[in-house]
PDB file of N, CA and C in Angstrom:
ATOM      1  N   MET A   1     -24.987  19.910  76.334  1.00  0.00           N
ATOM      2  CA  MET A   1     -24.244  18.937  75.460  1.00  0.00           C
ATOM      3  C   MET A   1     -23.173  18.550  75.597  1.00  0.00           C
ATOM      4  N   SER A   2     -22.973  17.276  75.579  1.00  0.00           N
ATOM      5  CA  SER A   2     -21.587  16.392  75.970  1.00  0.00           C
ATOM      6  C   SER A   2     -20.621  16.092  74.529  1.00  0.00           C
ATOM      7  N   TRP A   3     -19.402  16.093  74.971  1.00  0.00           N
ATOM      8  CA  TRP A   3     -18.611  16.778  73.897  1.00  0.00           C
ATOM      9  C   TRP A   3     -18.938  15.562  73.104  1.00  0.00           C
ATOM     10  N   LEU A   4     -18.938  14.696  72.467  1.00  0.00           N
ATOM     11  CA  LEU A   4     -18.952  13.856  71.340  1.00  0.00           C
ATOM     12  C   LEU A   4     -20.115  14.793  70.806  1.00  0.00           C
ATOM     13  N   SER A   5     -21.603  14.972  71.398  1.00  0.00           N
ATOM     14  CA  SER A   5     -22.426  15.746  70.299  1.00  0.00           C
ATOM     15  C   SER A   5     -21.897  16.931  70.030  1.00  0.00           C
ATOM     16  N   GLY A   6     -20.657  17.995  70.390  1.00  0.00           N
ATOM     17  CA  GLY A   6     -19.904  18.942  70.154  1.00  0.00           C
ATOM     18  C   GLY A   6     -18.880  18.474  69.519  1.00  0.00           C
ATOM     19  N   VAL A   7     -18.727  17.471  69.074  1.00  0.00           N
ATOM     20  CA  VAL A   7     -17.451  16.999  67.792  1.00  0.00           C
ATOM     21  C   VAL A   7     -18.531  16.828  66.651  1.00  0.00           C
ATOM     22  N   VAL A   8     -20.041  15.724  66.864  1.00  0.00           N
ATOM     23  CA  VAL A   8     -20.415  15.862  65.867  1.00  0.00           C
ATOM     24  C   VAL A   8     -21.179  17.095  65.275  1.00  0.00           C
ATOM     25  N   VAL A   9     -21.705  17.852  66.056  1.00  0.00           N
ATOM     26  CA  VAL A   9     -22.225  19.320  65.482  1.00  0.00           C
ATOM     27  C   VAL A   9     -21.256  19.927  64.816  1.00  0.00           C
ATOM     28  N   PHE A  10     -19.830  20.451  65.454  1.00  0.00           N
ATOM     29  CA  PHE A  10     -18.683  20.458  64.516  1.00  0.00           C
ATOM     30  C   PHE A  10     -18.232  19.980  62.912  1.00  0.00           C
ATOM     31  N   VAL A  11     -17.952  18.806  63.167  1.00  0.00           N
ATOM     32  CA  VAL A  11     -17.644  18.152  62.335  1.00  0.00           C
ATOM     33  C   VAL A  11     -18.787  18.036  60.658  1.00  0.00           C
ATOM     34  N   ILE A  12     -20.204  18.471  61.135  1.00  0.00           N
ATOM     35  CA  ILE A  12     -21.064  18.737  60.298  1.00  0.00           C
ATOM     36  C   ILE A  12     -20.856  20.278  59.520  1.00  0.00           C
ATOM     37  N   VAL A  13     -20.932  21.242  60.390  1.00  0.00           N
ATOM     38  CA  VAL A  13     -21.038  22.766  60.286  1.00  0.00           C
ATOM     39  C   VAL A  13     -19.459  22.796  59.773  1.00  0.00           C
ATOM     40  N   TRP A  14     -18.621  22.124  60.356  1.00  0.00           N
ATOM     41  CA  TRP A  14     -17.768  22.001  59.097  1.00  0.00           C
ATOM     42  C   TRP A  14     -17.586  21.763  57.661  1.00  0.00           C
ATOM     43  N   TRP A  15     -18.179  20.859  57.032  1.00  0.00           N
ATOM     44  CA  TRP A  15     -18.278  20.047  55.906  1.00  0.00           C
ATOM     45  C   TRP A  15     -19.565  20.993  55.597  1.00  0.00           C
ATOM     46  N   LEU A  16     -20.166  21.849  56.372  1.00  0.00           N
ATOM     47  CA  LEU A  16     -21.407  22.297  55.653  1.00  0.00           C
ATOM     48  C   LEU A  16     -20.526  24.067  55.086  1.00  0.00           C
ATOM     49  N   VAL A  17     -19.808  24.165  55.870  1.00  0.00           N
ATOM     50  CA  VAL A  17     -19.245  25.676  56.008  1.00  0.00           C
ATOM     51  C   VAL A  17     -18.418  25.639  54.830  1.00  0.00           C
ATOM     52  N   PHE A  18     -17.451  24.873  54.595  1.00  0.00           N
ATOM     53  CA  PHE A  18     -16.342  24.064  53.622  1.00  0.00           C
ATOM     54  C   PHE A  18     -16.962  23.709  52.187  1.00  0.00           C
ATOM     55  N   PHE A  19     -17.865  23.239  52.158  1.00  0.00           N
ATOM     56  CA  PHE A  19     -18.669  23.267  50.556  1.00  0.00           C
ATOM     57  C   PHE A  19     -19.487  24.551  50.289  1.00  0.00           C
ATOM     58  N   MET A  20     -19.190  25.552  50.912  1.00  0.00           N
ATOM     59  CA  MET A  20     -20.456  26.821  51.109  1.00  0.00           C
ATOM     60  C   MET A  20     -18.774  27.879  50.526  1.00  0.00           C
ATOM     61  N   THR A  21     -17.807  27.778  50.668  1.00  0.00           N
ATOM     62  CA  THR A  21     -16.264  28.439  50.925  1.00  0.00           C
ATOM     63  C   THR A  21     -15.718  27.881  49.809  1.00  0.00           C
ATOM     64  N   LEU A  22     -15.861  26.814  48.895  1.00  0.00           N
ATOM     65  CA  LEU A  22     -14.630  25.925  47.443  1.00  0.00           C
ATOM     66  C   LEU A  22     -15.935  27.027  46.187  1.00  0.00           C
ATOM     67  N   PRO A  23     -16.466  27.741  46.222  1.00  0.00           N
ATOM     68  CA  PRO A  23     -16.519  28.689  45.187  1.00  0.00           C
ATOM     69  C   PRO A  23     -15.742  29.960  45.083  1.00  0.00           C
ATOM     70  N   VAL A  24     -15.461  29.882  46.251  1.00  0.00           N
ATOM     71  CA  VAL A  24     -15.236  31.567  46.689  1.00  0.00           C
ATOM     72  C   VAL A  24     -14.241  31.953  45.948  1.00  0.00           C
ATOM     73  N   GLY A  25     -13.403  32.895  45.169  1.00  0.00           N
ATOM     74  CA  GLY A  25     -12.518  33.217  44.806  1.00  0.00           C
ATOM     75  C   GLY A  25     -11.801  32.209  43.558  1.00  0.00           C
ATOM     76  N   VAL A  26     -12.779  31.853  43.120  1.00  0.00           N
ATOM     77  CA  VAL A  26     -12.469  30.612  42.121  1.00  0.00           C
ATOM     78  C   VAL A  26     -12.299  30.930  40.712  1.00  0.00           C
ATOM     79  N   ARG A  27     -10.761  31.044  40.076  1.00  0.00           N
ATOM     80  CA  ARG A  27     -10.738  31.619  38.690  1.00  0.00           C
ATOM     81  C   ARG A  27     -10.217  30.721  37.184  1.00  0.00           C
ATOM     82  N   ARG A  28     -11.047  30.509  36.718  1.00  0.00           N
ATOM     83  CA  ARG A  28     -10.769  29.140  35.769  1.00  0.00           C
ATOM     84  C   ARG A  28      -9.474  29.817  35.171  1.00  0.00           C
ATOM     85  N   ALA A  29      -9.007  28.351  34.932  1.00  0.00           N
ATOM     86  CA  ALA A  29      -7.498  29.145  34.303  1.00  0.00           C
ATOM     87  C   ALA A  29      -7.383  29.125  32.373  1.00  0.00           C
ATOM     88  N   ARG A  30      -6.474  30.229  32.362  1.00  0.00           N
ATOM     89  CA  ARG A  30      -6.870  31.210  31.061  1.00  0.00           C
ATOM     90  C   ARG A  30      -6.272  30.044  29.741  1.00  0.00           C
ATOM     91  N   GLU A  31      -5.392  29.188  29.802  1.00  0.00           N
ATOM     92  CA  GLU A  31      -4.414  28.353  29.214  1.00  0.00           C
ATOM     93  C   GLU A  31      -4.707  27.061  29.452  1.00  0.00           C
ATOM     94  N   VAL A  32      -6.078  26.615  28.714  1.00  0.00           N
ATOM     95  CA  VAL A  32      -6.091  24.825  29.437  1.00  0.00           C
ATOM     96  C   VAL A  32      -5.585  24.355  28.422  1.00  0.00           C
ATOM     97  N   GLU A  33      -4.667  22.949  29.587  1.00  0.00           N
ATOM     98  CA  GLU A  33      -3.960  21.979  29.046  1.00  0.00           C
ATOM     99  C   GLU A  33      -4.641  20.484  28.830  1.00  0.00           C
ATOM    100  N   ARG A  34      -3.484  20.341  27.185  1.00  0.00           N
ATOM    101  CA  ARG A  34      -4.706  19.229  27.191  1.00  0.00           C
ATOM    102  C   ARG A  34      -4.904  18.460  27.986  1.00  0.00           C
ATOM    103  N   GLY A  35      -6.087  17.570  28.183  1.00  0.00           N
ATOM    104  CA  GLY A  35      -6.497  16.644  29.123  1.00  0.00           C
ATOM    105  C   GLY A  35      -7.058  17.308  30.454  1.00  0.00           C
ATOM    106  N   ASN A  36      -6.839  18.443  30.476  1.00  0.00           N
ATOM    107  CA  ASN A  36      -7.612  19.135  32.119  1.00  0.00           C
ATOM    108  C   ASN A  36      -8.912  19.667  31.577  1.00  0.00           C
ATOM    109  N   ASP A  37     -10.237  19.993  32.192  1.00  0.00           N
ATOM    110  CA  ASP A  37     -11.145  20.421  32.400  1.00  0.00           C
ATOM    111  C   ASP A  37     -11.350  22.027  32.234  1.00  0.00           C
ATOM    112  N   PRO A  38     -11.708  22.822  31.302  1.00  0.00           N
ATOM    113  CA  PRO A  38     -11.717  23.871  31.021  1.00  0.00           C
ATOM    114  C   PRO A  38     -12.399  24.552  32.315  1.00  0.00           C
ATOM    115  N   GLY A  39     -13.211  23.798  32.969  1.00  0.00           N
ATOM    116  CA  GLY A  39     -13.450  24.802  34.486  1.00  0.00           C
ATOM    117  C   GLY A  39     -12.760  24.657  35.390  1.00  0.00           C
ATOM    118  N   ALA A  40     -11.590  24.123  35.465  1.00  0.00           N
ATOM    119  CA  ALA A  40     -10.707  23.518  36.322  1.00  0.00           C
ATOM    120  C   ALA A  40     -10.340  24.870  36.679  1.00  0.00           C
ATOM    121  N   PRO A  41     -10.083  25.293  38.063  1.00  0.00           N
ATOM    122  CA  PRO A  41      -9.769  26.818  38.838  1.00  0.00           C
ATOM    123  C   PRO A  41      -7.951  26.690  38.306  1.00  0.00           C
ATOM    124  N   GLU A  42      -7.954  27.674  38.506  1.00  0.00           N
ATOM    125  CA  GLU A  42      -5.963  28.064  38.260  1.00  0.00           C
ATOM    126  C   GLU A  42      -5.328  27.892  40.053  1.00  0.00           C
ATOM    127  N   ARG A  43      -5.709  28.413  40.529  1.00  0.00           N
ATOM    128  CA  ARG A  43      -5.415  28.155  42.077  1.00  0.00           C
ATOM    129  C   ARG A  43      -6.739  27.499  43.442  1.00  0.00           C
ATOM    130  N   ALA A  44      -6.808  26.463  43.605  1.00  0.00           N
ATOM    131  CA  ALA A  44      -7.998  26.348  44.319  1.00  0.00           C
ATOM    132  C   ALA A  44      -7.736  26.828  46.052  1.00  0.00           C
ATOM    133  N   ARG A  45      -6.654  26.582  46.324  1.00  0.00           N
ATOM    134  CA  ARG A  45      -6.208  27.704  48.055  1.00  0.00           C
ATOM    135  C   ARG A  45      -6.835  26.937  48.642  1.00  0.00           C
ATOM    136  N   LEU A  46      -6.982  25.796  48.651  1.00  0.00           N
ATOM    137  CA  LEU A  46      -7.829  24.691  49.640  1.00  0.00           C
ATOM    138  C   LEU A  46      -7.173  24.414  51.201  1.00  0.00           C
ATOM    139  N   GLY A  47      -5.732  24.980  50.983  1.00  0.00           N
ATOM    140  CA  GLY A  47      -5.427  25.379  52.874  1.00  0.00           C
ATOM    141  C   GLY A  47      -5.937  26.422  53.217  1.00  0.00           C
ATOM    142  N   MET A  48      -6.328  27.529  52.210  1.00  0.00           N
ATOM    143  CA  MET A  48      -6.721  28.607  53.054  1.00  0.00           C
ATOM    144  C   MET A  48      -8.050  28.359  53.700  1.00  0.00           C
ATOM    145  N   LYS A  49      -8.778  27.380  52.668  1.00  0.00           N
ATOM    146  CA  LYS A  49     -10.286  27.112  52.773  1.00  0.00           C
ATOM    147  C   LYS A  49     -10.527  26.892  54.075  1.00  0.00           C
ATOM    148  N   ALA A  50      -9.385  26.108  54.049  1.00  0.00           N
ATOM    149  CA  ALA A  50      -9.748  24.239  54.907  1.00  0.00           C
ATOM    150  C   ALA A  50      -9.663  25.331  56.531  1.00  0.00           C
ATOM    151  N   ALA A  51      -8.447  26.289  56.809  1.00  0.00           N
ATOM    152  CA  ALA A  51      -8.227  27.155  57.776  1.00  0.00           C
ATOM    153  C   ALA A  51      -9.047  27.864  58.336  1.00  0.00           C
ATOM    154  N   VAL A  52     -10.049  28.567  57.025  1.00  0.00           N
ATOM    155  CA  VAL A  52     -11.066  30.017  57.498  1.00  0.00           C
ATOM    156  C   VAL A  52     -12.324  28.840  57.731  1.00  0.00           C
ATOM    157  N   THR A  53     -12.883  27.649  57.284  1.00  0.00           N
ATOM    158  CA  THR A  53     -13.333  26.802  57.384  1.00  0.00           C
ATOM    159  C   THR A  53     -13.663  26.746  58.986  1.00  0.00           C
ATOM    160  N   THR A  54     -12.530  26.147  59.486  1.00  0.00           N
ATOM    161  CA  THR A  54     -12.264  25.727  61.011  1.00  0.00           C
ATOM    162  C   THR A  54     -12.467  26.965  61.633  1.00  0.00           C
ATOM    163  N   VAL A  55     -12.092  27.910  61.557  1.00  0.00           N
ATOM    164  CA  VAL A  55     -12.306  29.473  62.556  1.00  0.00           C
ATOM    165  C   VAL A  55     -14.168  29.346  62.508  1.00  0.00           C
ATOM    166  N   ILE A  56     -14.837  29.523  61.229  1.00  0.00           N
ATOM    167  CA  ILE A  56     -15.614  30.027  61.189  1.00  0.00           C
ATOM    168  C   ILE A  56     -16.775  28.762  62.255  1.00  0.00           C
ATOM    169  N   ALA A  57     -16.328  27.356  61.420  1.00  0.00           N
ATOM    170  CA  ALA A  57     -16.873  26.279  61.685  1.00  0.00           C
ATOM    171  C   ALA A  57     -17.194  26.413  63.493  1.00  0.00           C
ATOM    172  N   GLY A  58     -15.745  26.602  63.874  1.00  0.00           N
ATOM    173  CA  GLY A  58     -15.660  26.593  65.421  1.00  0.00           C
ATOM    174  C   GLY A  58     -16.376  27.646  66.585  1.00  0.00           C
ATOM    175  N   VAL A  59     -16.961  28.820  66.014  1.00  0.00           N
ATOM    176  CA  VAL A  59     -17.360  29.955  65.828  1.00  0.00           C
ATOM    177  C   VAL A  59     -19.301  29.595  66.402  1.00  0.00           C
ATOM    178  N   LEU A  60     -19.241  28.780  65.103  1.00  0.00           N
ATOM    179  CA  LEU A  60     -20.729  28.503  65.288  1.00  0.00           C
ATOM    180  C   LEU A  60     -21.418  27.258  65.856  1.00  0.00           C
ATOM    181  N   THR A  61     -19.828  26.017  66.065  1.00  0.00           N
ATOM    182  CA  THR A  61     -20.711  25.446  66.939  1.00  0.00           C
ATOM    183  C   THR A  61     -20.039  26.048  68.350  1.00  0.00           C
ATOM    184  N   LEU A  62     -19.285  27.153  68.733  1.00  0.00           N
ATOM    185  CA  LEU A  62     -19.423  27.361  69.981  1.00  0.00           C
ATOM    186  C   LEU A  62     -20.825  28.246  70.564  1.00  0.00           C
ATOM    187  N   LEU A  63     -21.840  28.887  69.536  1.00  0.00           N
ATOM    188  CA  LEU A  63     -23.158  29.499  69.193  1.00  0.00           C
ATOM    189  C   LEU A  63     -24.014  28.461  69.716  1.00  0.00           C
ATOM    190  N   ALA A  64     -23.958  27.154  69.066  1.00  0.00           N
ATOM    191  CA  ALA A  64     -24.889  26.781  68.824  1.00  0.00           C
ATOM    192  C   ALA A  64     -24.642  25.631  70.416  1.00  0.00           C
ATOM    193  N   PHE A  65     -23.642  25.484  71.226  1.00  0.00           N
ATOM    194  CA  PHE A  65     -23.275  24.888  72.442  1.00  0.00           C
ATOM    195  C   PHE A  65     -24.043  26.209  73.393  1.00  0.00           C
ATOM    196  N   LEU A  66     -23.557  27.336  73.197  1.00  0.00           N
ATOM    197  CA  LEU A  66     -24.338  28.416  74.238  1.00  0.00           C
ATOM    198  C   LEU A  66     -25.516  28.396  74.173  1.00  0.00           C
ATOM    199  N   LEU A  67     -26.588  28.492  73.431  1.00  0.00           N
ATOM    200  CA  LEU A  67     -27.357  27.882  72.760  1.00  0.00           C
ATOM    201  C   LEU A  67     -28.183  27.245  73.134  1.00  0.00           C
ATOM    202  N   ILE A  68     -28.038  25.993  73.208  1.00  0.00           N
ATOM    203  CA  ILE A  68     -28.458  24.405  73.558  1.00  0.00           C
ATOM    204  C   ILE A  68     -28.439  24.643  74.866  1.00  0.00           C
ATOM    205  N   ASP A  69     -27.557  24.706  75.510  1.00  0.00           N
ATOM    206  CA  ASP A  69     -26.938  25.535  76.944  1.00  0.00           C
ATOM    207  C   ASP A  69     -27.663  26.180  77.991  1.00  0.00           C
ATOM    208  N   SER A  70     -28.294  27.098  77.216  1.00  0.00           N
ATOM    209  CA  SER A  70     -28.729  28.036  77.869  1.00  0.00           C
ATOM    210  C   SER A  70     -30.121  27.849  78.159  1.00  0.00           C
ATOM    211  N   GLU A  71     -30.966  28.417  79.065  1.00  0.00           N
ATOM    212  CA  GLU A  71     -32.474  28.165  78.828  1.00  0.00           C
ATOM    213  C   GLU A  71     -33.571  29.014  78.099  1.00  0.00           C
ATOM    214  N   TRP A  72     -32.580  29.820  76.768  1.00  0.00           N
ATOM    215  CA  TRP A  72     -33.539  29.813  75.538  1.00  0.00           C
ATOM    216  C   TRP A  72     -33.887  29.256  74.925  1.00  0.00           C
ATOM    217  N   LEU A  73     -33.154  28.153  74.116  1.00  0.00           N
ATOM    218  CA  LEU A  73     -33.980  27.441  73.454  1.00  0.00           C
ATOM    219  C   LEU A  73     -33.769  25.275  74.483  1.00  0.00           C
ATOM    220  N   THR A  74     -35.023  25.558  74.213  1.00  0.00           N
ATOM    221  CA  THR A  74     -35.078  24.142  75.398  1.00  0.00           C
ATOM    222  C   THR A  74     -36.204  22.992  74.509  1.00  0.00           C
ATOM    223  N   PHE A  75     -35.792  21.523  74.568  1.00  0.00           N
ATOM    224  CA  PHE A  75     -37.087  20.556  74.119  1.00  0.00           C
ATOM    225  C   PHE A  75     -37.857  19.778  74.899  1.00  0.00           C
ATOM    226  N   ARG A  76     -37.431  20.094  76.474  1.00  0.00           N
ATOM    227  CA  ARG A  76     -38.063  19.677  77.387  1.00  0.00           C
ATOM    228  C   ARG A  76     -39.188  20.458  77.769  1.00  0.00           C
ATOM    229  N   LYS A  77     -40.269  19.570  78.190  1.00  0.00           N
ATOM    230  CA  LYS A  77     -41.224  20.134  78.891  1.00  0.00           C
ATOM    231  C   LYS A  77     -41.243  21.352  80.663  1.00  0.00           C
ATOM    232  N   PRO A  78     -41.696  22.055  80.457  1.00  0.00           N
ATOM    233  CA  PRO A  78     -41.637  23.059  81.432  1.00  0.00           C
ATOM    234  C   PRO A  78     -42.061  22.611  82.752  1.00  0.00           C
TER     235      PRO A  78
END
């Protein structure tokens, strides 16, 4: 896998994992202010979710790199 392919895989995996982590730990606001959505979270904690997502995406990208570079998974004719 080239470095450009690795970056593309990382970005795709990062966004997929990020969207999966968004609903984790979300609590609705108890007191809704006028003009706010009643389903809006009290604290979204996006910084923590982005950091966790980066670590998970890095590990998954590393696993994908190892799997693609190994002889285990190949799309070439034997």
